[in-house]
Every structure is written in structure tokens, then in C-alpha cells.
PDB file of N, CA and C in Angstrom:
ATOM      1  N   MET A   1       7.522  -0.168  16.484  1.00  0.00           N
ATOM      2  CA  MET A   1       7.854   1.829  16.170  1.00  0.00           C
ATOM      3  C   MET A   1       7.494   2.240  17.287  1.00  0.00           C
ATOM      4  N   LYS A   2       6.243   1.664  18.045  1.00  0.00           N
ATOM      5  CA  LYS A   2       6.199   2.452  19.437  1.00  0.00           C
ATOM      6  C   LYS A   2       7.441   2.444  20.425  1.00  0.00           C
ATOM      7  N   GLU A   3       8.004   1.214  20.445  1.00  0.00           N
ATOM      8  CA  GLU A   3       8.868   0.963  21.337  1.00  0.00           C
ATOM      9  C   GLU A   3      10.134   0.938  21.160  1.00  0.00           C
ATOM     10  N   HIS A   4      10.368   0.854  19.956  1.00  0.00           N
ATOM     11  CA  HIS A   4      11.861   1.352  19.256  1.00  0.00           C
ATOM     12  C   HIS A   4      12.134   2.081  18.287  1.00  0.00           C
ATOM     13  N   GLN A   5      12.927   2.813  18.071  1.00  0.00           N
ATOM     14  CA  GLN A   5      13.749   3.406  17.106  1.00  0.00           C
ATOM     15  C   GLN A   5      14.168   2.962  15.898  1.00  0.00           C
ATOM     16  N   TYR A   6      13.436   3.225  14.600  1.00  0.00           N
ATOM     17  CA  TYR A   6      14.403   2.811  13.492  1.00  0.00           C
ATOM     18  C   TYR A   6      14.769   3.829  12.637  1.00  0.00           C
ATOM     19  N   ASP A   7      15.568   3.911  11.684  1.00  0.00           N
ATOM     20  CA  ASP A   7      16.396   4.624  10.952  1.00  0.00           C
ATOM     21  C   ASP A   7      15.668   4.824   9.511  1.00  0.00           C
ATOM     22  N   LEU A   8      14.997   3.361   9.066  1.00  0.00           N
ATOM     23  CA  LEU A   8      14.418   3.334   7.890  1.00  0.00           C
ATOM     24  C   LEU A   8      13.383   2.111   7.833  1.00  0.00           C
ATOM     25  N   VAL A   9      12.321   2.384   6.677  1.00  0.00           N
ATOM     26  CA  VAL A   9      11.745   0.980   6.709  1.00  0.00           C
ATOM     27  C   VAL A   9      11.525   0.762   4.834  1.00  0.00           C
ATOM     28  N   LEU A  10      11.799  -0.722   4.842  1.00  0.00           N
ATOM     29  CA  LEU A  10      11.864  -1.126   3.404  1.00  0.00           C
ATOM     30  C   LEU A  10      10.253  -1.823   3.491  1.00  0.00           C
ATOM     31  N   MET A  11       9.230  -1.523   2.576  1.00  0.00           N
ATOM     32  CA  MET A  11       7.980  -1.632   2.576  1.00  0.00           C
ATOM     33  C   MET A  11       7.487  -2.477   1.578  1.00  0.00           C
ATOM     34  N   ASP A  12       7.113  -3.554   1.735  1.00  0.00           N
ATOM     35  CA  ASP A  12       6.765  -4.479   0.730  1.00  0.00           C
ATOM     36  C   ASP A  12       5.185  -4.016   0.318  1.00  0.00           C
ATOM     37  N   ILE A  13       4.871  -3.590  -0.637  1.00  0.00           N
ATOM     38  CA  ILE A  13       3.402  -3.357  -1.016  1.00  0.00           C
ATOM     39  C   ILE A  13       2.530  -4.243  -1.177  1.00  0.00           C
ATOM     40  N   GLN A  14       3.095  -5.624  -1.316  1.00  0.00           N
ATOM     41  CA  GLN A  14       2.359  -6.563  -1.403  1.00  0.00           C
ATOM     42  C   GLN A  14       2.126  -7.638  -0.458  1.00  0.00           C
ATOM     43  N   MET A  15       1.969  -7.380   0.778  1.00  0.00           N
ATOM     44  CA  MET A  15       2.040  -8.026   1.783  1.00  0.00           C
ATOM     45  C   MET A  15       0.794  -8.740   2.200  1.00  0.00           C
ATOM     46  N   PRO A  16       0.546 -10.127   2.727  1.00  0.00           N
ATOM     47  CA  PRO A  16      -0.719 -10.967   2.647  1.00  0.00           C
ATOM     48  C   PRO A  16      -1.733 -10.258   3.421  1.00  0.00           C
ATOM     49  N   GLU A  17      -1.446  -9.897   4.753  1.00  0.00           N
ATOM     50  CA  GLU A  17      -2.546  -9.733   5.334  1.00  0.00           C
ATOM     51  C   GLU A  17      -2.889  -7.970   5.560  1.00  0.00           C
ATOM     52  N   MET A  18      -1.861  -7.270   5.348  1.00  0.00           N
ATOM     53  CA  MET A  18      -1.777  -5.723   5.465  1.00  0.00           C
ATOM     54  C   MET A  18      -1.198  -5.243   4.046  1.00  0.00           C
ATOM     55  N   ASP A  19      -1.682  -4.529   3.257  1.00  0.00           N
ATOM     56  CA  ASP A  19      -0.569  -4.007   2.238  1.00  0.00           C
ATOM     57  C   ASP A  19       0.185  -3.033   2.602  1.00  0.00           C
ATOM     58  N   GLY A  20       0.771  -2.675   1.991  1.00  0.00           N
ATOM     59  CA  GLY A  20       2.044  -1.554   2.353  1.00  0.00           C
ATOM     60  C   GLY A  20       1.585  -0.148   2.324  1.00  0.00           C
ATOM     61  N   TYR A  21       0.526  -0.035   1.419  1.00  0.00           N
ATOM     62  CA  TYR A  21      -0.433   1.224   1.210  1.00  0.00           C
ATOM     63  C   TYR A  21      -1.027   1.485   2.773  1.00  0.00           C
ATOM     64  N   GLU A  22      -1.664   0.263   3.361  1.00  0.00           N
ATOM     65  CA  GLU A  22      -2.244   0.465   4.465  1.00  0.00           C
ATOM     66  C   GLU A  22      -1.251   0.775   5.667  1.00  0.00           C
ATOM     67  N   ALA A  23      -0.343  -0.238   5.711  1.00  0.00           N
ATOM     68  CA  ALA A  23       1.068  -0.024   6.884  1.00  0.00           C
ATOM     69  C   ALA A  23       1.288   1.399   6.692  1.00  0.00           C
ATOM     70  N   THR A  24       1.596   1.949   5.771  1.00  0.00           N
ATOM     71  CA  THR A  24       2.497   3.531   5.651  1.00  0.00           C
ATOM     72  C   THR A  24       1.364   4.369   6.218  1.00  0.00           C
ATOM     73  N   THR A  25       0.116   4.413   5.771  1.00  0.00           N
ATOM     74  CA  THR A  25      -0.799   5.387   6.144  1.00  0.00           C
ATOM     75  C   THR A  25      -0.946   5.128   7.458  1.00  0.00           C
ATOM     76  N   ILE A  26      -0.656   3.791   8.525  1.00  0.00           N
ATOM     77  CA  ILE A  26      -0.728   3.802   9.836  1.00  0.00           C
ATOM     78  C   ILE A  26       0.392   4.447  10.667  1.00  0.00           C
ATOM     79  N   ILE A  27       1.591   4.225   9.524  1.00  0.00           N
ATOM     80  CA  ILE A  27       2.712   4.835  10.231  1.00  0.00           C
ATOM     81  C   ILE A  27       3.039   6.108  10.303  1.00  0.00           C
ATOM     82  N   ARG A  28       2.093   6.865   9.257  1.00  0.00           N
ATOM     83  CA  ARG A  28       2.147   8.072   9.040  1.00  0.00           C
ATOM     84  C   ARG A  28       1.282   9.035   9.926  1.00  0.00           C
ATOM     85  N   LYS A  29      -0.089   8.345  10.067  1.00  0.00           N
ATOM     86  CA  LYS A  29      -1.398   9.081  10.653  1.00  0.00           C
ATOM     87  C   LYS A  29      -1.354   8.787  11.997  1.00  0.00           C
ATOM     88  N   GLU A  30      -1.472   7.254  12.278  1.00  0.00           N
ATOM     89  CA  GLU A  30      -2.032   7.085  13.570  1.00  0.00           C
ATOM     90  C   GLU A  30      -0.315   7.111  14.633  1.00  0.00           C
ATOM     91  N   LEU A  31       0.397   6.415  14.018  1.00  0.00           N
ATOM     92  CA  LEU A  31       1.833   6.824  14.869  1.00  0.00           C
ATOM     93  C   LEU A  31       2.353   7.982  14.718  1.00  0.00           C
ATOM     94  N   ASN A  32       2.069   8.676  13.699  1.00  0.00           N
ATOM     95  CA  ASN A  32       2.589  10.496  13.850  1.00  0.00           C
ATOM     96  C   ASN A  32       4.092   9.945  13.544  1.00  0.00           C
ATOM     97  N   ASN A  33       4.319   9.041  12.609  1.00  0.00           N
ATOM     98  CA  ASN A  33       6.178   8.832  12.281  1.00  0.00           C
ATOM     99  C   ASN A  33       6.430   9.261  10.895  1.00  0.00           C
ATOM    100  N   ASN A  34       7.129   9.965  10.722  1.00  0.00           N
ATOM    101  CA  ASN A  34       7.915  10.475   9.469  1.00  0.00           C
ATOM    102  C   ASN A  34       9.121   9.897   9.198  1.00  0.00           C
ATOM    103  N   ILE A  35       9.671   8.584   9.531  1.00  0.00           N
ATOM    104  CA  ILE A  35      10.636   7.692   9.379  1.00  0.00           C
ATOM    105  C   ILE A  35      10.428   7.487   7.811  1.00  0.00           C
ATOM    106  N   PRO A  36      11.729   7.633   7.120  1.00  0.00           N
ATOM    107  CA  PRO A  36      11.862   7.097   5.725  1.00  0.00           C
ATOM    108  C   PRO A  36      11.299   5.947   5.251  1.00  0.00           C
ATOM    109  N   ILE A  37      10.522   5.715   4.103  1.00  0.00           N
ATOM    110  CA  ILE A  37       9.841   4.581   3.737  1.00  0.00           C
ATOM    111  C   ILE A  37      10.365   4.635   2.407  1.00  0.00           C
ATOM    112  N   ILE A  38      10.885   3.348   2.065  1.00  0.00           N
ATOM    113  CA  ILE A  38      11.194   2.793   0.839  1.00  0.00           C
ATOM    114  C   ILE A  38      10.166   1.964   0.239  1.00  0.00           C
ATOM    115  N   ALA A  39       9.530   2.036  -1.001  1.00  0.00           N
ATOM    116  CA  ALA A  39       8.570   0.663  -1.080  1.00  0.00           C
ATOM    117  C   ALA A  39       9.417  -0.003  -2.244  1.00  0.00           C
ATOM    118  N   LEU A  40       9.011  -1.324  -1.938  1.00  0.00           N
ATOM    119  CA  LEU A  40       9.329  -2.373  -2.714  1.00  0.00           C
ATOM    120  C   LEU A  40       8.185  -3.058  -3.290  1.00  0.00           C
ATOM    121  N   THR A  41       8.186  -3.264  -4.557  1.00  0.00           N
ATOM    122  CA  THR A  41       6.998  -3.569  -5.385  1.00  0.00           C
ATOM    123  C   THR A  41       7.676  -4.326  -6.672  1.00  0.00           C
ATOM    124  N   ALA A  42       6.709  -5.391  -6.833  1.00  0.00           N
ATOM    125  CA  ALA A  42       6.716  -5.873  -8.348  1.00  0.00           C
ATOM    126  C   ALA A  42       5.768  -5.624  -9.222  1.00  0.00           C
ATOM    127  N   HIS A  43       4.932  -4.346  -8.888  1.00  0.00           N
ATOM    128  CA  HIS A  43       3.384  -4.116  -9.434  1.00  0.00           C
ATOM    129  C   HIS A  43       4.112  -3.452 -10.961  1.00  0.00           C
ATOM    130  N   ALA A  44       3.130  -3.415 -11.906  1.00  0.00           N
ATOM    131  CA  ALA A  44       3.728  -2.937 -13.126  1.00  0.00           C
ATOM    132  C   ALA A  44       2.806  -1.816 -13.472  1.00  0.00           C
ATOM    133  N   MET A  45       2.131  -1.354 -12.807  1.00  0.00           N
ATOM    134  CA  MET A  45       0.867  -0.073 -12.784  1.00  0.00           C
ATOM    135  C   MET A  45       1.787   1.199 -12.963  1.00  0.00           C
ATOM    136  N   ASN A  46       1.300   1.707 -14.030  1.00  0.00           N
ATOM    137  CA  ASN A  46       2.072   2.921 -14.333  1.00  0.00           C
ATOM    138  C   ASN A  46       1.806   4.092 -13.347  1.00  0.00           C
ATOM    139  N   ASN A  47       0.918   4.160 -12.605  1.00  0.00           N
ATOM    140  CA  ASN A  47       0.737   5.212 -11.358  1.00  0.00           C
ATOM    141  C   ASN A  47       1.117   4.630 -10.113  1.00  0.00           C
ATOM    142  N   GLU A  48       1.884   3.371 -10.140  1.00  0.00           N
ATOM    143  CA  GLU A  48       2.320   3.031  -8.808  1.00  0.00           C
ATOM    144  C   GLU A  48       3.203   4.415  -7.937  1.00  0.00           C
ATOM    145  N   LYS A  49       4.148   4.567  -8.672  1.00  0.00           N
ATOM    146  CA  LYS A  49       5.197   5.685  -7.932  1.00  0.00           C
ATOM    147  C   LYS A  49       4.291   7.075  -7.713  1.00  0.00           C
ATOM    148  N   GLU A  50       3.443   7.306  -8.105  1.00  0.00           N
ATOM    149  CA  GLU A  50       2.613   8.431  -7.659  1.00  0.00           C
ATOM    150  C   GLU A  50       1.738   8.187  -6.513  1.00  0.00           C
ATOM    151  N   ILE A  51       1.023   7.067  -6.570  1.00  0.00           N
ATOM    152  CA  ILE A  51       0.554   6.569  -5.455  1.00  0.00           C
ATOM    153  C   ILE A  51       1.251   6.557  -3.961  1.00  0.00           C
ATOM    154  N   CYS A  52       2.496   5.806  -4.369  1.00  0.00           N
ATOM    155  CA  CYS A  52       3.427   5.949  -3.012  1.00  0.00           C
ATOM    156  C   CYS A  52       3.933   7.241  -2.561  1.00  0.00           C
ATOM    157  N   LEU A  53       4.263   8.039  -3.512  1.00  0.00           N
ATOM    158  CA  LEU A  53       4.727   9.422  -3.063  1.00  0.00           C
ATOM    159  C   LEU A  53       3.607  10.268  -2.526  1.00  0.00           C
ATOM    160  N   ALA A  54       2.377  10.270  -3.006  1.00  0.00           N
ATOM    161  CA  ALA A  54       1.363  10.748  -2.272  1.00  0.00           C
ATOM    162  C   ALA A  54       1.171   9.909  -1.003  1.00  0.00           C
ATOM    163  N   LEU A  55       1.512   8.793  -0.688  1.00  0.00           N
ATOM    164  CA  LEU A  55       1.146   8.272   0.760  1.00  0.00           C
ATOM    165  C   LEU A  55       2.035   8.579   1.847  1.00  0.00           C
ATOM    166  N   GLY A  56       3.594   9.330   1.347  1.00  0.00           N
ATOM    167  CA  GLY A  56       4.452   9.623   2.201  1.00  0.00           C
ATOM    168  C   GLY A  56       5.806   8.617   1.747  1.00  0.00           C
ATOM    169  N   ILE A  57       5.540   7.948   1.018  1.00  0.00           N
ATOM    170  CA  ILE A  57       6.894   6.876   0.411  1.00  0.00           C
ATOM    171  C   ILE A  57       7.851   7.791  -0.133  1.00  0.00           C
ATOM    172  N   ARG A  58       8.937   7.790   0.334  1.00  0.00           N
ATOM    173  CA  ARG A  58      10.096   8.991  -0.122  1.00  0.00           C
ATOM    174  C   ARG A  58      10.621   8.113  -1.114  1.00  0.00           C
ATOM    175  N   CYS A  59      10.714   6.924  -1.295  1.00  0.00           N
ATOM    176  CA  CYS A  59      11.611   6.253  -2.475  1.00  0.00           C
ATOM    177  C   CYS A  59      10.859   5.109  -3.181  1.00  0.00           C
ATOM    178  N   PHE A  60      10.539   4.813  -4.275  1.00  0.00           N
ATOM    179  CA  PHE A  60      10.064   3.411  -4.957  1.00  0.00           C
ATOM    180  C   PHE A  60      10.972   2.827  -5.638  1.00  0.00           C
ATOM    181  N   THR A  61      10.864   1.537  -5.694  1.00  0.00           N
ATOM    182  CA  THR A  61      11.558   0.958  -6.390  1.00  0.00           C
ATOM    183  C   THR A  61      11.208  -0.412  -6.922  1.00  0.00           C
ATOM    184  N   LYS A  62      11.305  -1.305  -8.200  1.00  0.00           N
ATOM    185  CA  LYS A  62      10.626  -2.454  -8.440  1.00  0.00           C
ATOM    186  C   LYS A  62      11.463  -3.370  -8.177  1.00  0.00           C
ATOM    187  N   THR A  63      11.021  -4.551  -7.883  1.00  0.00           N
ATOM    188  CA  THR A  63      12.201  -5.338  -7.071  1.00  0.00           C
ATOM    189  C   THR A  63      12.188  -6.557  -8.570  1.00  0.00           C
ATOM    190  N   VAL A  64      13.357  -7.530  -8.496  1.00  0.00           N
ATOM    191  CA  VAL A  64      13.410  -8.096  -9.544  1.00  0.00           C
ATOM    192  C   VAL A  64      13.435  -9.256  -9.514  1.00  0.00           C
TER     193      VAL A  64
END
């Protein structure tokens, strides 16, 4: 994202090395980038959508 411009990020919340929450925080705070982020998750937690929206993820969807 430092070298290329993108229109959208599809963010997997359950990545092995760094989860989507941490990656989104880096994109928003360290890179100061307001690119639209769509979260993809299989989480079943009731508050998952609220967590994503609070971090600056614009859309939240569960994968099938």
C-alpha cells in the first residue's frame, strides 16, 4: 500500500500471522490510509460487526 494504490481491501479476519483487526489498525493508523475495507469472517460472535466497524472496516460479511 505504500508503493501501489488500491481501490479496496478484502480483509480476512482470521489470518495466521496477523489477524485482520491488527492489519486494519496498521492500515488506518500507521499508513494513514482511508481505503475501503470489507471484512470477511467465519466468526460467530454476536459483537463481531461492531468490533469491525469501530476499527474502520466499512462492511462486514460472513463467509459460507
